[in-house]
């Protein structure tokens, strides 16, 4: 994992795009009786090279509409006084190694994106407030929001 973080830091210094996007990727899936969409936009980097982007998550079912919007920033650590992007090596359900991911967050959600290559899948999770739970379009009994989007 340290080796991946080191190489990613080198890519940041060299301006490598890693999982950056130039367009506005949009994802859609059906779950819990509702259509779920996620749109990503405004990819950028701050003066330290840390990536961030805007998101819009929506649920639709009949006349019901629910959405969360915000701006997420990559999870970073510090090494030798410099910010460094954290890269995670998740496991598949069978215990085998899955492709590395980076994580982004704001005060409402966290997202996982592929460490490199095109953004072809995004994991979205968070905890809904009581007011948000009352507005969702799916029949939920807990405050956990967790959905995976694939292209």
Protein backbone atom coordinates (compact mmCIF):
# COMPACT_ATOMS: atom_id res chain seq x y z
CA UNK A 1 0.00 0.00 0.00
CA UNK A 2 2.83 2.43 0.74
CA UNK A 3 4.30 1.70 -2.67
CA UNK A 4 1.01 2.61 -4.36
CA UNK A 5 0.75 5.83 -2.31
CA UNK A 6 4.32 6.76 -3.26
CA UNK A 7 3.64 6.24 -6.96
CA UNK A 8 0.39 8.14 -6.75
CA UNK A 9 2.21 11.04 -5.13
CA UNK A 10 4.66 11.02 -8.04
CA UNK A 11 1.71 11.12 -10.43
CA UNK A 12 0.30 14.12 -8.57
CA UNK A 13 3.61 15.92 -8.90
CA UNK A 14 3.73 15.09 -12.60
CA UNK A 15 0.13 16.16 -13.13
CA UNK A 16 -1.07 12.65 -14.02
CA UNK A 17 -4.84 12.36 -14.35
CA UNK A 18 -5.27 9.07 -12.41
CA UNK A 19 -9.11 8.81 -12.06
CA UNK A 20 -9.75 12.42 -13.13
CA UNK A 21 -12.65 13.12 -15.45
CA UNK A 22 -13.07 15.89 -18.02
CA UNK A 23 -16.74 15.37 -18.73
CA UNK A 24 -19.69 14.88 -16.38
CA UNK A 25 -19.95 11.15 -15.65
CA UNK A 26 -23.46 10.01 -14.83
CA UNK A 27 -24.55 6.68 -13.36
CA UNK A 28 -27.94 5.11 -12.92
CA UNK A 29 -29.32 2.01 -11.22
CA UNK A 30 -32.61 0.67 -9.83
CA UNK A 31 -32.81 -0.49 -6.24
CA UNK A 32 -35.48 -0.56 -3.55
CA UNK A 33 -38.22 0.40 -6.02
CA UNK A 34 -36.53 3.65 -7.02
CA UNK A 35 -34.29 4.95 -9.78
CA UNK A 36 -30.96 6.15 -8.34
CA UNK A 37 -28.71 8.51 -10.30
CA UNK A 38 -25.31 9.98 -9.51
CA UNK A 39 -23.67 12.77 -11.50
CA UNK A 40 -20.07 13.88 -10.92
CA UNK A 41 -18.75 17.26 -12.10
CA UNK A 42 -16.14 19.98 -11.64
CA UNK A 43 -13.09 17.77 -11.05
CA UNK A 44 -10.23 19.87 -9.74
CA UNK A 45 -7.14 19.94 -7.55
CA UNK A 46 -6.25 22.40 -4.83
CA UNK A 47 -2.86 24.08 -4.53
CA UNK A 48 -1.48 20.94 -2.80
CA UNK A 49 -2.64 18.69 -5.67
CA UNK A 50 -5.49 17.10 -3.69
CA UNK A 51 -8.41 16.17 -5.99
CA UNK A 52 -12.04 17.00 -5.34
CA UNK A 53 -15.32 17.19 -7.27
CA UNK A 54 -19.03 18.01 -7.02
CA UNK A 55 -21.74 15.36 -6.93
CA UNK A 56 -25.51 15.15 -7.28
CA UNK A 57 -27.26 12.01 -6.01
CA UNK A 58 -30.97 11.62 -6.79
CA UNK A 59 -33.73 9.11 -6.13
CA UNK A 60 -36.96 8.99 -8.12
CA UNK A 61 -40.02 6.79 -7.66
CA UNK A 62 -43.38 7.94 -8.97
CA UNK A 63 -43.94 11.49 -7.70
CA UNK A 64 -41.23 11.16 -5.04
CA UNK A 65 -37.96 13.04 -5.51
CA UNK A 66 -34.98 13.05 -3.13
CA UNK A 67 -31.48 14.42 -3.64
CA UNK A 68 -28.16 15.06 -1.96
CA UNK A 69 -25.61 17.43 -3.49
CA UNK A 70 -22.19 18.47 -2.33
CA UNK A 71 -18.46 18.71 -2.88
CA UNK A 72 -16.17 15.82 -1.86
CA UNK A 73 -12.42 15.90 -1.31
CA UNK A 74 -9.97 13.02 -1.42
CA UNK A 75 -8.86 11.39 1.82
CA UNK A 76 -5.22 12.23 2.36
CA UNK A 77 -2.44 11.60 4.79
CA UNK A 78 0.78 13.46 5.36
CA UNK A 79 4.27 12.23 4.57
CA UNK A 80 7.38 14.30 5.11
CA UNK A 81 5.20 17.38 5.56
CA UNK A 82 3.40 16.89 2.23
CA UNK A 83 -0.19 15.82 1.57
CA UNK A 84 -0.47 12.38 0.04
CA UNK A 85 -3.57 10.70 -1.35
CA UNK A 86 -4.63 7.53 0.47
CA UNK A 87 -5.05 4.47 -1.76
CA UNK A 88 -6.98 1.45 -0.48
CA UNK A 89 -6.79 -2.18 -1.58
CA UNK A 90 -10.24 -3.68 -0.97
CA UNK A 91 -11.16 -7.35 -1.21
CA UNK A 92 -13.80 -8.96 -3.40
CA UNK A 93 -16.55 -11.02 -1.77
CA UNK A 94 -14.46 -14.16 -2.31
CA UNK A 95 -11.50 -12.63 -0.44
CA UNK A 96 -9.38 -11.99 -3.53
CA UNK A 97 -7.76 -8.61 -4.04
CA UNK A 98 -9.94 -6.03 -5.80
CA UNK A 99 -8.55 -3.13 -7.83
CA UNK A 100 -7.25 -0.24 -5.69
CA UNK A 101 -9.59 2.66 -4.93
CA UNK A 102 -9.39 6.18 -3.58
CA UNK A 103 -11.93 7.63 -1.17
CA UNK A 104 -13.59 11.03 -1.19
CA UNK A 105 -15.82 12.54 1.49
CA UNK A 106 -17.81 15.50 2.74
CA UNK A 107 -19.99 15.88 5.84
CA UNK A 108 -22.78 13.73 4.34
CA UNK A 109 -21.29 10.98 2.17
CA UNK A 110 -18.17 9.08 1.29
CA UNK A 111 -17.38 7.74 -2.18
CA UNK A 112 -14.95 5.25 -3.60
CA UNK A 113 -13.58 5.63 -7.13
CA UNK A 114 -11.09 3.52 -9.05
CA UNK A 115 -7.51 4.49 -8.31
CA UNK A 116 -6.72 4.81 -12.00
CA UNK A 117 -8.42 4.55 -15.34
CA UNK A 118 -11.85 5.74 -16.34
CA UNK A 119 -14.49 6.26 -13.69
CA UNK A 120 -16.61 3.19 -14.47
CA UNK A 121 -17.88 2.53 -10.96
CA UNK A 122 -18.55 4.57 -7.84
CA UNK A 123 -19.53 3.47 -4.35
CA UNK A 124 -21.65 5.93 -2.39
CA UNK A 125 -22.38 5.61 1.33
CA UNK A 126 -23.50 7.82 4.14
CA UNK A 127 -25.84 8.25 7.07
CA UNK A 128 -29.13 10.04 6.51
CA UNK A 129 -30.55 12.51 9.00
CA UNK A 130 -34.02 11.85 10.39
CA UNK A 131 -35.42 14.56 8.09
CA UNK A 132 -33.69 13.02 5.04
CA UNK A 133 -34.91 9.54 5.98
CA UNK A 134 -38.49 10.85 5.88
CA UNK A 135 -37.93 12.12 2.31
CA UNK A 136 -36.25 9.14 0.62
CA UNK A 137 -38.11 7.33 -2.15
CA UNK A 138 -37.26 3.83 -0.95
CA UNK A 139 -38.79 2.04 1.99
CA UNK A 140 -35.99 2.27 4.54
CA UNK A 141 -35.95 1.41 8.20
CA UNK A 142 -32.43 2.59 8.97
CA UNK A 143 -30.40 5.69 8.23
CA UNK A 144 -27.65 3.95 6.25
CA UNK A 145 -27.31 4.89 2.59
CA UNK A 146 -25.16 2.55 0.53
CA UNK A 147 -25.32 2.06 -3.22
CA UNK A 148 -22.88 1.00 -5.94
CA UNK A 149 -23.02 2.43 -9.44
CA UNK A 150 -21.49 0.68 -12.48
CA UNK A 151 -21.25 1.64 -16.15
